[in-house]
Structures are given as structure tokens and as C-alpha cells.
Amino acid sequence: MHKTRIRDVAEFLVPPAVVEEGEPIVLVMDCFLKRPERRVIFVVDAAEKFVGTIRLSDLVLHLWPYAAETEEVLTPEILNIVKTSTAGELASYSNFYLKLDSTLEEAVTLMHGNYLDALPVLDEDGKIIGEVNYYSILKAYIRKKVAEETL
């Protein structure tokens, strides 16, 4: 399994959630709320190249100082942050990504070692073509094991 390349299990890539770096955080919130199982959203520049990742925990921690002081759901402070902050301001800019020639072992090592739930898969131009997460890795592993047992 450790030599299996992303391109070999490309059918298990997850369609990624992507926002541009200038988009307001309200759009990021909307992406998370529409898909409660989603844990990351990838941020791209105007040329659609990957620039960073926003984890659900990043968003919660960004809003938490304002939410912790009140029982109100939407305070003026939170509304102001949601309207004026951008995805680019919240994104963690990192070099954590995969290419089609990356292995599943590399994916697991990067994700586990850096506390990531998912990684983008980039094409040669740095554009996101899919997402690898633990669920997609598990599906690829099961497929490989089933194929080996039926031989």
C-alpha cells in the first residue's frame, strides 16, 4: 500500500471545497455549514492556484474570543468579523499538498505528522484537482486488500 500512487486511486479523490483568498469568511462558514462532515476548505488565488488551508478548528478559534464572552449567537463583533475578514487572512499558508505521483504513505505521513484531516492534490500548475482525506485513503486500502484476496 505504501507504494500506491495517488494517480492509481484517483477515483477516491474527494471533490474539494475551494474559496478564493479575497472571499469573506461568511462564505467559508457557509461551506462548512452546508457539509457538516467537511473539516477543511482550500484557499486559492485569483489564478486558482493553491495558497493555503482553512480548518474548521481555525474558523472556530478565530471567532471564539468574541463568542465566549456572550450567549448571543451573532454579536456585532462576530458579524463584523464575518463580513470584513477574508479567507486569505484565515488560511494557513503551507507546503502541505500532494501531487498525482505522491504515494498514499506520503499522504498519511503528512496528515498524521501535521494534524491535518485532508490534503489537496495539485496538478502541474499548482491548481487543486482533488482532496485526499483519511476516508478516501481507507477506501483505497480496502479496495486494494479486496483485490489482493480475489487473486
N, C-alpha and C. Protein backbone atom coordinates (compact mmCIF):
# COMPACT_ATOMS: atom_id res chain seq x y z
N MET A 1 0.83 -1.21 0.00
CA MET A 1 0.00 0.00 0.00
C MET A 1 0.87 1.26 0.00
N HIS A 2 2.05 1.15 0.62
CA HIS A 2 2.91 2.33 0.76
C HIS A 2 3.46 2.81 -0.58
N LYS A 3 3.42 1.99 -1.61
CA LYS A 3 3.91 2.41 -2.93
C LYS A 3 2.76 2.83 -3.85
N THR A 4 1.54 2.75 -3.38
CA THR A 4 0.39 3.13 -4.20
C THR A 4 0.39 4.64 -4.41
N ARG A 5 0.35 5.04 -5.65
CA ARG A 5 0.36 6.46 -6.01
C ARG A 5 -1.06 7.01 -6.04
N ILE A 6 -1.17 8.30 -5.80
CA ILE A 6 -2.47 8.97 -5.82
C ILE A 6 -3.15 8.73 -7.17
N ARG A 7 -2.40 8.80 -8.26
CA ARG A 7 -2.99 8.60 -9.59
C ARG A 7 -3.62 7.22 -9.73
N ASP A 8 -3.11 6.22 -8.98
CA ASP A 8 -3.63 4.85 -9.05
C ASP A 8 -4.99 4.71 -8.36
N VAL A 9 -5.30 5.63 -7.47
CA VAL A 9 -6.57 5.58 -6.75
C VAL A 9 -7.33 6.90 -6.91
N ALA A 10 -7.15 7.53 -8.05
CA ALA A 10 -7.74 8.85 -8.30
C ALA A 10 -9.26 8.86 -8.18
N GLU A 11 -9.89 7.70 -8.39
CA GLU A 11 -11.35 7.67 -8.27
C GLU A 11 -11.81 7.91 -6.84
N PHE A 12 -10.91 7.81 -5.88
CA PHE A 12 -11.26 8.06 -4.49
C PHE A 12 -10.98 9.50 -4.04
N LEU A 13 -10.49 10.33 -4.95
CA LEU A 13 -10.29 11.74 -4.61
C LEU A 13 -11.65 12.36 -4.33
N VAL A 14 -11.67 13.22 -3.33
CA VAL A 14 -12.90 13.90 -2.93
C VAL A 14 -12.95 15.25 -3.64
N PRO A 15 -14.12 15.64 -4.16
CA PRO A 15 -14.21 17.00 -4.71
C PRO A 15 -13.93 18.01 -3.59
N PRO A 16 -12.96 18.88 -3.79
CA PRO A 16 -12.58 19.80 -2.72
C PRO A 16 -13.51 21.00 -2.60
N ALA A 17 -13.58 21.56 -1.40
CA ALA A 17 -14.24 22.85 -1.19
C ALA A 17 -13.16 23.90 -1.35
N VAL A 18 -13.40 24.86 -2.24
CA VAL A 18 -12.39 25.85 -2.57
C VAL A 18 -13.02 27.25 -2.52
N VAL A 19 -12.29 28.19 -1.93
CA VAL A 19 -12.69 29.60 -1.95
C VAL A 19 -11.48 30.43 -2.34
N GLU A 20 -11.74 31.58 -2.94
CA GLU A 20 -10.64 32.50 -3.26
C GLU A 20 -10.22 33.26 -2.02
N GLU A 21 -8.96 33.65 -1.98
CA GLU A 21 -8.41 34.29 -0.79
C GLU A 21 -9.08 35.61 -0.43
N GLY A 22 -9.70 36.28 -1.37
CA GLY A 22 -10.37 37.55 -1.09
C GLY A 22 -11.82 37.41 -0.65
N GLU A 23 -12.34 36.19 -0.64
CA GLU A 23 -13.74 35.96 -0.26
C GLU A 23 -13.94 36.20 1.23
N PRO A 24 -15.11 36.71 1.63
CA PRO A 24 -15.35 36.94 3.06
C PRO A 24 -15.51 35.62 3.82
N ILE A 25 -15.23 35.68 5.10
CA ILE A 25 -15.32 34.49 5.94
C ILE A 25 -16.74 33.94 5.98
N VAL A 26 -17.72 34.77 5.74
CA VAL A 26 -19.09 34.27 5.73
C VAL A 26 -19.25 33.16 4.68
N LEU A 27 -18.54 33.26 3.58
CA LEU A 27 -18.58 32.21 2.56
C LEU A 27 -17.91 30.93 3.07
N VAL A 28 -16.84 31.09 3.82
CA VAL A 28 -16.16 29.93 4.43
C VAL A 28 -17.11 29.25 5.41
N MET A 29 -17.77 30.04 6.24
CA MET A 29 -18.74 29.48 7.19
C MET A 29 -19.83 28.73 6.46
N ASP A 30 -20.31 29.29 5.38
CA ASP A 30 -21.37 28.67 4.60
C ASP A 30 -20.92 27.32 4.05
N CYS A 31 -19.67 27.25 3.58
CA CYS A 31 -19.14 25.98 3.06
C CYS A 31 -19.11 24.90 4.14
N PHE A 32 -18.71 25.27 5.34
CA PHE A 32 -18.67 24.31 6.44
C PHE A 32 -20.09 23.91 6.86
N LEU A 33 -20.99 24.87 6.93
CA LEU A 33 -22.34 24.58 7.39
C LEU A 33 -23.14 23.73 6.40
N LYS A 34 -22.86 23.88 5.11
CA LYS A 34 -23.56 23.09 4.11
C LYS A 34 -23.14 21.63 4.12
N ARG A 35 -21.91 21.35 4.55
CA ARG A 35 -21.40 19.98 4.60
C ARG A 35 -20.77 19.76 5.98
N PRO A 36 -21.57 19.42 6.97
CA PRO A 36 -21.05 19.29 8.35
C PRO A 36 -19.89 18.31 8.50
N GLU A 37 -19.75 17.35 7.57
CA GLU A 37 -18.64 16.41 7.66
C GLU A 37 -17.32 17.00 7.17
N ARG A 38 -17.38 18.15 6.52
CA ARG A 38 -16.18 18.79 5.98
C ARG A 38 -15.34 19.37 7.11
N ARG A 39 -14.04 19.14 7.03
CA ARG A 39 -13.12 19.65 8.05
C ARG A 39 -12.12 20.66 7.52
N VAL A 40 -11.97 20.76 6.19
CA VAL A 40 -11.04 21.72 5.61
C VAL A 40 -11.64 22.36 4.36
N ILE A 41 -11.20 23.57 4.13
CA ILE A 41 -11.53 24.28 2.89
C ILE A 41 -10.21 24.83 2.37
N PHE A 42 -10.00 24.66 1.08
CA PHE A 42 -8.74 25.11 0.48
C PHE A 42 -8.92 26.50 -0.11
N VAL A 43 -7.88 27.31 0.02
CA VAL A 43 -7.89 28.69 -0.45
C VAL A 43 -6.98 28.79 -1.67
N VAL A 44 -7.49 29.47 -2.70
CA VAL A 44 -6.73 29.67 -3.94
C VAL A 44 -6.62 31.16 -4.23
N ASP A 45 -5.66 31.50 -5.09
CA ASP A 45 -5.52 32.90 -5.51
C ASP A 45 -6.40 33.14 -6.74
N ALA A 46 -6.31 34.30 -7.32
CA ALA A 46 -7.13 34.66 -8.48
C ALA A 46 -6.85 33.78 -9.68
N ALA A 47 -5.65 33.19 -9.75
CA ALA A 47 -5.29 32.29 -10.85
C ALA A 47 -5.67 30.84 -10.53
N GLU A 48 -6.40 30.65 -9.43
CA GLU A 48 -6.88 29.34 -8.97
C GLU A 48 -5.76 28.42 -8.48
N LYS A 49 -4.63 29.00 -8.09
CA LYS A 49 -3.52 28.21 -7.55
C LYS A 49 -3.66 28.13 -6.02
N PHE A 50 -3.33 26.96 -5.50
CA PHE A 50 -3.42 26.70 -4.07
C PHE A 50 -2.51 27.62 -3.28
N VAL A 51 -3.09 28.24 -2.22
CA VAL A 51 -2.27 29.09 -1.35
C VAL A 51 -2.35 28.68 0.11
N GLY A 52 -3.39 27.98 0.51
CA GLY A 52 -3.48 27.60 1.92
C GLY A 52 -4.73 26.82 2.24
N THR A 53 -4.86 26.51 3.53
CA THR A 53 -5.95 25.69 4.02
C THR A 53 -6.60 26.36 5.22
N ILE A 54 -7.92 26.26 5.30
CA ILE A 54 -8.65 26.69 6.49
C ILE A 54 -9.28 25.45 7.09
N ARG A 55 -8.89 25.14 8.30
CA ARG A 55 -9.51 24.03 9.01
C ARG A 55 -10.72 24.56 9.77
N LEU A 56 -11.68 23.70 10.01
CA LEU A 56 -12.86 24.09 10.77
C LEU A 56 -12.43 24.63 12.13
N SER A 57 -11.44 24.01 12.74
CA SER A 57 -10.96 24.48 14.03
C SER A 57 -10.36 25.88 13.94
N ASP A 58 -9.73 26.22 12.80
CA ASP A 58 -9.19 27.58 12.62
C ASP A 58 -10.32 28.61 12.68
N LEU A 59 -11.41 28.30 12.01
CA LEU A 59 -12.56 29.22 11.98
C LEU A 59 -13.15 29.38 13.38
N VAL A 60 -13.36 28.28 14.07
CA VAL A 60 -13.94 28.34 15.41
C VAL A 60 -13.02 29.13 16.34
N LEU A 61 -11.74 28.86 16.31
CA LEU A 61 -10.81 29.57 17.19
C LEU A 61 -10.70 31.05 16.84
N HIS A 62 -10.89 31.39 15.56
CA HIS A 62 -10.87 32.79 15.14
C HIS A 62 -12.05 33.55 15.73
N LEU A 63 -13.19 32.90 15.79
CA LEU A 63 -14.40 33.56 16.30
C LEU A 63 -14.56 33.41 17.82
N TRP A 64 -13.90 32.45 18.40
CA TRP A 64 -14.12 32.10 19.80
C TRP A 64 -13.95 33.25 20.80
N PRO A 65 -12.93 34.08 20.71
CA PRO A 65 -12.80 35.14 21.72
C PRO A 65 -14.04 36.03 21.81
N TYR A 66 -14.72 36.20 20.71
CA TYR A 66 -15.91 37.04 20.69
C TYR A 66 -17.15 36.26 21.12
N ALA A 67 -17.19 34.99 20.77
CA ALA A 67 -18.36 34.15 21.10
C ALA A 67 -18.33 33.73 22.56
N ALA A 68 -17.17 33.62 23.15
CA ALA A 68 -17.05 33.12 24.52
C ALA A 68 -17.55 34.13 25.55
N GLU A 69 -17.61 35.38 25.17
CA GLU A 69 -17.99 36.42 26.12
C GLU A 69 -19.49 36.65 26.20
N THR A 70 -20.26 35.98 25.39
CA THR A 70 -21.70 36.22 25.35
C THR A 70 -22.45 34.94 25.03
N GLU A 71 -23.73 34.94 25.34
CA GLU A 71 -24.56 33.81 24.98
C GLU A 71 -25.29 34.06 23.66
N GLU A 72 -25.13 35.27 23.12
CA GLU A 72 -25.77 35.58 21.85
C GLU A 72 -25.05 34.85 20.72
N VAL A 73 -25.80 34.42 19.73
CA VAL A 73 -25.21 33.70 18.61
C VAL A 73 -24.44 34.65 17.71
N LEU A 74 -25.05 35.75 17.34
CA LEU A 74 -24.40 36.70 16.43
C LEU A 74 -24.30 38.07 17.10
N THR A 75 -23.15 38.33 17.67
CA THR A 75 -22.91 39.64 18.26
C THR A 75 -22.44 40.59 17.17
N PRO A 76 -22.51 41.89 17.40
CA PRO A 76 -21.99 42.83 16.41
C PRO A 76 -20.52 42.58 16.06
N GLU A 77 -19.73 42.17 17.06
CA GLU A 77 -18.31 41.89 16.80
C GLU A 77 -18.15 40.71 15.85
N ILE A 78 -18.91 39.65 16.09
CA ILE A 78 -18.81 38.47 15.23
C ILE A 78 -19.31 38.81 13.83
N LEU A 79 -20.40 39.52 13.74
CA LEU A 79 -20.92 39.92 12.42
C LEU A 79 -19.90 40.75 11.66
N ASN A 80 -19.22 41.65 12.35
CA ASN A 80 -18.21 42.48 11.71
C ASN A 80 -17.05 41.62 11.20
N ILE A 81 -16.60 40.67 12.00
CA ILE A 81 -15.50 39.79 11.58
C ILE A 81 -15.91 38.97 10.37
N VAL A 82 -17.11 38.43 10.43
CA VAL A 82 -17.60 37.58 9.35
C VAL A 82 -17.72 38.37 8.05
N LYS A 83 -18.09 39.62 8.14
CA LYS A 83 -18.28 40.45 6.94
C LYS A 83 -16.97 41.04 6.41
N THR A 84 -16.02 41.31 7.30
CA THR A 84 -14.82 42.03 6.86
C THR A 84 -13.57 41.17 6.73
N SER A 85 -13.48 40.07 7.45
CA SER A 85 -12.32 39.19 7.34
C SER A 85 -12.41 38.38 6.06
N THR A 86 -11.25 38.02 5.52
CA THR A 86 -11.24 37.24 4.28
C THR A 86 -10.66 35.85 4.50
N ALA A 87 -10.95 34.99 3.57
CA ALA A 87 -10.42 33.62 3.63
C ALA A 87 -8.90 33.64 3.66
N GLY A 88 -8.30 34.53 2.90
CA GLY A 88 -6.84 34.62 2.87
C GLY A 88 -6.24 34.99 4.21
N GLU A 89 -6.94 35.79 4.98
CA GLU A 89 -6.45 36.17 6.31
C GLU A 89 -6.50 35.00 7.29
N LEU A 90 -7.42 34.10 7.07
CA LEU A 90 -7.60 32.97 7.97
C LEU A 90 -6.81 31.73 7.54
N ALA A 91 -6.43 31.67 6.28
CA ALA A 91 -5.76 30.49 5.74
C ALA A 91 -4.37 30.30 6.34
N SER A 92 -4.03 29.06 6.57
CA SER A 92 -2.66 28.75 6.96
C SER A 92 -1.92 28.44 5.66
N TYR A 93 -0.90 29.21 5.42
CA TYR A 93 -0.13 29.05 4.19
C TYR A 93 0.93 27.99 4.43
N SER A 94 0.79 26.91 3.70
CA SER A 94 1.69 25.80 3.97
C SER A 94 2.14 25.13 2.68
N ASN A 95 3.11 24.29 2.84
CA ASN A 95 3.61 23.50 1.73
C ASN A 95 3.08 22.08 1.80
N PHE A 96 1.99 21.89 2.51
CA PHE A 96 1.41 20.56 2.65
C PHE A 96 0.39 20.31 1.55
N TYR A 97 0.83 19.56 0.57
CA TYR A 97 -0.06 19.19 -0.54
C TYR A 97 0.52 17.93 -1.19
N LEU A 98 -0.27 17.35 -2.07
CA LEU A 98 0.16 16.15 -2.78
C LEU A 98 0.10 16.40 -4.27
N LYS A 99 0.82 15.59 -5.00
CA LYS A 99 0.75 15.54 -6.47
C LYS A 99 0.23 14.16 -6.85
N LEU A 100 -0.12 13.96 -8.10
CA LEU A 100 -0.62 12.66 -8.53
C LEU A 100 0.42 11.56 -8.36
N ASP A 101 1.70 11.91 -8.38
CA ASP A 101 2.75 10.91 -8.19
C ASP A 101 3.10 10.67 -6.72
N SER A 102 2.49 11.43 -5.81
CA SER A 102 2.70 11.19 -4.38
C SER A 102 2.10 9.84 -4.02
N THR A 103 2.63 9.25 -2.95
CA THR A 103 2.10 7.95 -2.51
C THR A 103 1.11 8.14 -1.37
N LEU A 104 0.31 7.10 -1.15
CA LEU A 104 -0.61 7.14 -0.02
C LEU A 104 0.16 7.17 1.29
N GLU A 105 1.32 6.55 1.32
CA GLU A 105 2.16 6.60 2.51
C GLU A 105 2.58 8.04 2.81
N GLU A 106 2.96 8.79 1.78
CA GLU A 106 3.30 10.20 1.97
C GLU A 106 2.10 10.98 2.50
N ALA A 107 0.92 10.68 1.97
CA ALA A 107 -0.30 11.36 2.41
C ALA A 107 -0.54 11.13 3.89
N VAL A 108 -0.49 9.87 4.31
CA VAL A 108 -0.74 9.55 5.72
C VAL A 108 0.33 10.18 6.61
N THR A 109 1.58 10.11 6.19
CA THR A 109 2.67 10.69 6.98
C THR A 109 2.50 12.20 7.14
N LEU A 110 2.19 12.89 6.06
CA LEU A 110 1.98 14.35 6.13
C LEU A 110 0.77 14.70 6.99
N MET A 111 -0.32 13.98 6.78
CA MET A 111 -1.55 14.29 7.53
C MET A 111 -1.36 14.02 9.01
N HIS A 112 -0.84 12.85 9.34
CA HIS A 112 -0.66 12.48 10.75
C HIS A 112 0.37 13.38 11.44
N GLY A 113 1.48 13.60 10.79
CA GLY A 113 2.56 14.37 11.39
C GLY A 113 2.26 15.84 11.56
N ASN A 114 1.26 16.34 10.84
CA ASN A 114 0.93 17.77 10.90
C ASN A 114 -0.50 18.03 11.35
N TYR A 115 -1.14 17.00 11.90
CA TYR A 115 -2.50 17.13 12.43
C TYR A 115 -3.48 17.67 11.39
N LEU A 116 -3.42 17.12 10.18
CA LEU A 116 -4.29 17.55 9.10
C LEU A 116 -5.33 16.47 8.81
N ASP A 117 -6.54 16.90 8.49
CA ASP A 117 -7.60 15.95 8.15
C ASP A 117 -7.66 15.66 6.66
N ALA A 118 -7.07 16.52 5.87
CA ALA A 118 -7.12 16.35 4.42
C ALA A 118 -5.98 17.15 3.79
N LEU A 119 -5.65 16.76 2.55
CA LEU A 119 -4.63 17.47 1.77
C LEU A 119 -5.14 17.67 0.36
N PRO A 120 -4.81 18.81 -0.24
CA PRO A 120 -5.18 18.99 -1.64
C PRO A 120 -4.22 18.22 -2.55
N VAL A 121 -4.75 17.80 -3.68
CA VAL A 121 -3.92 17.20 -4.73
C VAL A 121 -3.82 18.24 -5.83
N LEU A 122 -2.59 18.61 -6.19
CA LEU A 122 -2.37 19.68 -7.16
C LEU A 122 -1.90 19.12 -8.49
N ASP A 123 -2.30 19.81 -9.57
CA ASP A 123 -1.77 19.47 -10.89
C ASP A 123 -0.42 20.15 -11.08
N GLU A 124 0.13 20.05 -12.27
CA GLU A 124 1.46 20.62 -12.54
C GLU A 124 1.49 22.15 -12.43
N ASP A 125 0.31 22.79 -12.57
CA ASP A 125 0.23 24.24 -12.49
C ASP A 125 -0.08 24.76 -11.09
N GLY A 126 -0.18 23.86 -10.13
CA GLY A 126 -0.48 24.27 -8.76
C GLY A 126 -1.97 24.46 -8.49
N LYS A 127 -2.81 23.96 -9.39
CA LYS A 127 -4.26 24.06 -9.21
C LYS A 127 -4.78 22.80 -8.54
N ILE A 128 -5.78 22.96 -7.71
CA ILE A 128 -6.33 21.83 -6.96
C ILE A 128 -7.21 20.97 -7.87
N ILE A 129 -6.92 19.68 -7.89
CA ILE A 129 -7.73 18.76 -8.70
C ILE A 129 -8.52 17.78 -7.84
N GLY A 130 -8.27 17.78 -6.56
CA GLY A 130 -9.00 16.89 -5.66
C GLY A 130 -8.46 16.99 -4.25
N GLU A 131 -9.08 16.22 -3.39
CA GLU A 131 -8.70 16.18 -1.97
C GLU A 131 -8.51 14.74 -1.55
N VAL A 132 -7.47 14.50 -0.76
CA VAL A 132 -7.27 13.21 -0.13
C VAL A 132 -7.52 13.41 1.36
N ASN A 133 -8.36 12.55 1.92
CA ASN A 133 -8.59 12.58 3.36
C ASN A 133 -8.49 11.16 3.89
N TYR A 134 -8.62 11.00 5.19
CA TYR A 134 -8.46 9.66 5.77
C TYR A 134 -9.52 8.69 5.23
N TYR A 135 -10.70 9.17 4.98
CA TYR A 135 -11.76 8.31 4.45
C TYR A 135 -11.40 7.79 3.06
N SER A 136 -10.89 8.68 2.19
CA SER A 136 -10.52 8.24 0.85
C SER A 136 -9.34 7.27 0.89
N ILE A 137 -8.42 7.45 1.83
CA ILE A 137 -7.30 6.54 1.99
C ILE A 137 -7.81 5.17 2.46
N LEU A 138 -8.74 5.17 3.38
CA LEU A 138 -9.31 3.92 3.86
C LEU A 138 -10.03 3.17 2.73
N LYS A 139 -10.78 3.88 1.90
CA LYS A 139 -11.45 3.25 0.77
C LYS A 139 -10.44 2.65 -0.20
N ALA A 140 -9.36 3.36 -0.48
CA ALA A 140 -8.33 2.85 -1.38
C ALA A 140 -7.67 1.61 -0.79
N TYR A 141 -7.41 1.63 0.51
CA TYR A 141 -6.79 0.49 1.19
C TYR A 141 -7.69 -0.74 1.11
N ILE A 142 -8.98 -0.56 1.39
CA ILE A 142 -9.92 -1.67 1.34
C ILE A 142 -10.01 -2.23 -0.07
N ARG A 143 -10.07 -1.36 -1.07
CA ARG A 143 -10.13 -1.84 -2.45
C ARG A 143 -8.91 -2.69 -2.78
N LYS A 144 -7.75 -2.23 -2.38
CA LYS A 144 -6.51 -2.96 -2.67
C LYS A 144 -6.52 -4.31 -1.96
N LYS A 145 -6.94 -4.36 -0.70
CA LYS A 145 -6.98 -5.62 0.05
C LYS A 145 -7.97 -6.60 -0.58
N VAL A 146 -9.14 -6.11 -0.98
CA VAL A 146 -10.13 -6.97 -1.62
C VAL A 146 -9.58 -7.51 -2.94
N ALA A 147 -8.91 -6.66 -3.71
CA ALA A 147 -8.33 -7.10 -4.98
C ALA A 147 -7.26 -8.17 -4.76
N GLU A 148 -6.45 -8.01 -3.73
CA GLU A 148 -5.40 -8.99 -3.44
C GLU A 148 -5.99 -10.34 -3.02
N GLU A 149 -7.09 -10.30 -2.28
CA GLU A 149 -7.71 -11.54 -1.80
C GLU A 149 -8.44 -12.30 -2.90
N THR A 150 -8.86 -11.61 -3.94
CA THR A 150 -9.60 -12.27 -5.01
C THR A 150 -8.67 -12.82 -6.08
N LEU A 151 -7.38 -12.53 -5.98
CA LEU A 151 -6.42 -13.07 -6.96
C LEU A 151 -6.06 -14.50 -6.69
